[in-house]
Amino acid sequence: MTTTAQPVDRVLYTVKAAAELLSLSRSTVYELMAAGDLPFVKLGRARRIKRADIDRFAAQLQPQSI
């Protein structure tokens, strides 16, 4: 029997998962966090990004023209 895993809509994302969701590199996400452009929470040594903050960041991006 084959079962397909349903994607889980998380509340908190790792830097790697947030980078994948935003189609950015991990380094870029760390730079955005350091600049204060992408809020995060720190739990011990781990940094997590709220889904709402990821959505808010993506929504405020402006399209660029060539």
N, C-alpha and C. Protein backbone atom coordinates (compact mmCIF):
# COMPACT_ATOMS: atom_id res chain seq x y z
N MET A 1 0.84 -1.16 0.00
CA MET A 1 0.00 0.00 0.00
C MET A 1 0.90 1.24 0.00
N THR A 2 0.57 2.19 -0.86
CA THR A 2 1.34 3.42 -0.96
C THR A 2 0.54 4.56 -0.34
N THR A 3 1.20 5.28 0.53
CA THR A 3 0.56 6.45 1.11
C THR A 3 1.40 7.67 0.78
N THR A 4 0.74 8.77 0.53
CA THR A 4 1.45 10.00 0.26
C THR A 4 1.35 10.89 1.49
N ALA A 5 2.46 11.48 1.85
CA ALA A 5 2.48 12.35 3.02
C ALA A 5 1.87 13.70 2.65
N GLN A 6 0.99 14.15 3.48
CA GLN A 6 0.38 15.46 3.29
C GLN A 6 1.33 16.52 3.85
N PRO A 7 1.55 17.62 3.12
CA PRO A 7 2.42 18.65 3.65
C PRO A 7 1.83 19.26 4.91
N VAL A 8 2.69 19.46 5.89
CA VAL A 8 2.26 20.03 7.15
C VAL A 8 2.50 21.53 7.11
N ASP A 9 1.46 22.29 7.39
CA ASP A 9 1.60 23.74 7.45
C ASP A 9 2.07 24.09 8.86
N ARG A 10 3.34 24.34 8.99
CA ARG A 10 3.94 24.58 10.29
C ARG A 10 3.74 26.02 10.73
N VAL A 11 3.93 26.25 12.02
CA VAL A 11 3.90 27.60 12.57
C VAL A 11 5.31 28.18 12.54
N LEU A 12 6.31 27.36 12.89
CA LEU A 12 7.71 27.78 12.90
C LEU A 12 8.51 26.98 11.88
N TYR A 13 9.40 27.67 11.18
CA TYR A 13 10.23 27.03 10.16
C TYR A 13 11.71 27.19 10.51
N THR A 14 12.50 26.19 10.19
CA THR A 14 13.94 26.31 10.32
C THR A 14 14.42 27.27 9.23
N VAL A 15 15.65 27.72 9.35
CA VAL A 15 16.22 28.60 8.33
C VAL A 15 16.23 27.88 6.99
N LYS A 16 16.61 26.61 7.00
CA LYS A 16 16.64 25.83 5.76
C LYS A 16 15.25 25.72 5.13
N ALA A 17 14.24 25.42 5.94
CA ALA A 17 12.88 25.28 5.42
C ALA A 17 12.34 26.62 4.92
N ALA A 18 12.65 27.70 5.64
CA ALA A 18 12.21 29.03 5.21
C ALA A 18 12.88 29.39 3.89
N ALA A 19 14.16 29.06 3.75
CA ALA A 19 14.88 29.34 2.51
C ALA A 19 14.23 28.59 1.34
N GLU A 20 13.89 27.34 1.56
CA GLU A 20 13.24 26.56 0.50
C GLU A 20 11.88 27.15 0.15
N LEU A 21 11.13 27.56 1.17
CA LEU A 21 9.81 28.14 0.94
C LEU A 21 9.90 29.44 0.15
N LEU A 22 10.94 30.24 0.42
CA LEU A 22 11.12 31.52 -0.27
C LEU A 22 11.94 31.40 -1.55
N SER A 23 12.45 30.20 -1.84
CA SER A 23 13.34 29.97 -2.99
C SER A 23 14.58 30.85 -2.91
N LEU A 24 15.16 30.91 -1.72
CA LEU A 24 16.39 31.67 -1.46
C LEU A 24 17.42 30.72 -0.86
N SER A 25 18.66 31.17 -0.82
CA SER A 25 19.70 30.38 -0.17
C SER A 25 19.62 30.58 1.34
N ARG A 26 20.19 29.64 2.09
CA ARG A 26 20.25 29.79 3.55
C ARG A 26 21.02 31.04 3.92
N SER A 27 22.10 31.32 3.21
CA SER A 27 22.91 32.50 3.48
C SER A 27 22.09 33.78 3.34
N THR A 28 21.28 33.84 2.31
CA THR A 28 20.44 35.02 2.11
C THR A 28 19.45 35.18 3.24
N VAL A 29 18.86 34.09 3.69
CA VAL A 29 17.91 34.15 4.80
C VAL A 29 18.62 34.63 6.06
N TYR A 30 19.82 34.13 6.33
CA TYR A 30 20.59 34.61 7.49
C TYR A 30 20.89 36.11 7.36
N GLU A 31 21.21 36.58 6.16
CA GLU A 31 21.48 38.00 5.94
C GLU A 31 20.22 38.83 6.19
N LEU A 32 19.08 38.35 5.72
CA LEU A 32 17.82 39.05 5.95
C LEU A 32 17.49 39.12 7.44
N MET A 33 17.76 38.04 8.15
CA MET A 33 17.52 38.01 9.59
C MET A 33 18.45 39.00 10.30
N ALA A 34 19.72 39.02 9.92
CA ALA A 34 20.70 39.90 10.55
C ALA A 34 20.37 41.38 10.30
N ALA A 35 19.82 41.67 9.12
CA ALA A 35 19.46 43.04 8.77
C ALA A 35 18.15 43.47 9.41
N GLY A 36 17.42 42.52 10.00
CA GLY A 36 16.13 42.84 10.61
C GLY A 36 14.98 42.84 9.63
N ASP A 37 15.23 42.39 8.40
CA ASP A 37 14.18 42.35 7.38
C ASP A 37 13.26 41.14 7.53
N LEU A 38 13.76 40.10 8.17
CA LEU A 38 12.99 38.88 8.37
C LEU A 38 13.07 38.52 9.85
N PRO A 39 12.00 38.80 10.60
CA PRO A 39 12.02 38.52 12.04
C PRO A 39 12.15 37.03 12.33
N PHE A 40 12.75 36.72 13.47
CA PHE A 40 12.92 35.33 13.88
C PHE A 40 12.86 35.24 15.40
N VAL A 41 12.68 34.04 15.88
CA VAL A 41 12.73 33.78 17.32
C VAL A 41 13.92 32.86 17.56
N LYS A 42 14.53 33.01 18.72
CA LYS A 42 15.66 32.17 19.06
C LYS A 42 15.25 31.29 20.23
N LEU A 43 15.34 29.99 20.03
CA LEU A 43 15.01 29.00 21.05
C LEU A 43 16.28 28.23 21.35
N GLY A 44 16.93 28.61 22.44
CA GLY A 44 18.25 28.04 22.72
C GLY A 44 19.21 28.55 21.66
N ARG A 45 19.85 27.63 20.97
CA ARG A 45 20.76 28.01 19.88
C ARG A 45 20.07 28.02 18.53
N ALA A 46 18.83 27.54 18.49
CA ALA A 46 18.12 27.42 17.22
C ALA A 46 17.35 28.70 16.89
N ARG A 47 17.35 29.04 15.62
CA ARG A 47 16.56 30.16 15.13
C ARG A 47 15.39 29.59 14.34
N ARG A 48 14.21 30.14 14.61
CA ARG A 48 13.02 29.71 13.88
C ARG A 48 12.30 30.95 13.37
N ILE A 49 11.65 30.79 12.24
CA ILE A 49 10.95 31.89 11.60
C ILE A 49 9.47 31.54 11.53
N LYS A 50 8.62 32.45 11.99
CA LYS A 50 7.18 32.22 11.96
C LYS A 50 6.67 32.28 10.53
N ARG A 51 5.72 31.41 10.23
CA ARG A 51 5.13 31.38 8.88
C ARG A 51 4.52 32.73 8.53
N ALA A 52 3.89 33.37 9.52
CA ALA A 52 3.27 34.68 9.28
C ALA A 52 4.33 35.71 8.87
N ASP A 53 5.52 35.64 9.46
CA ASP A 53 6.58 36.58 9.11
C ASP A 53 7.15 36.28 7.72
N ILE A 54 7.21 35.01 7.35
CA ILE A 54 7.64 34.64 6.00
C ILE A 54 6.65 35.20 4.98
N ASP A 55 5.35 35.00 5.24
CA ASP A 55 4.32 35.50 4.34
C ASP A 55 4.35 37.02 4.24
N ARG A 56 4.53 37.69 5.38
CA ARG A 56 4.58 39.15 5.42
C ARG A 56 5.78 39.66 4.62
N PHE A 57 6.93 39.01 4.79
CA PHE A 57 8.13 39.40 4.05
C PHE A 57 7.90 39.26 2.55
N ALA A 58 7.36 38.13 2.13
CA ALA A 58 7.13 37.89 0.71
C ALA A 58 6.11 38.88 0.13
N ALA A 59 5.10 39.23 0.91
CA ALA A 59 4.06 40.13 0.43
C ALA A 59 4.59 41.55 0.22
N GLN A 60 5.57 41.96 1.00
CA GLN A 60 6.07 43.32 0.88
C GLN A 60 7.13 43.49 -0.21
N LEU A 61 7.56 42.40 -0.85
CA LEU A 61 8.53 42.49 -1.94
C LEU A 61 7.90 43.19 -3.14
N GLN A 62 8.65 44.08 -3.74
CA GLN A 62 8.15 44.84 -4.89
C GLN A 62 8.70 44.23 -6.17
N PRO A 63 7.86 44.12 -7.20
CA PRO A 63 8.34 43.61 -8.49
C PRO A 63 9.35 44.58 -9.09
N GLN A 64 10.33 44.03 -9.76
CA GLN A 64 11.37 44.84 -10.40
C GLN A 64 11.17 44.81 -11.92
N SER A 65 11.42 45.94 -12.53
CA SER A 65 11.37 45.98 -14.00
C SER A 65 12.80 46.06 -14.53
N ILE A 66 12.97 45.60 -15.73
CA ILE A 66 14.31 45.55 -16.32
C ILE A 66 14.62 46.88 -16.98
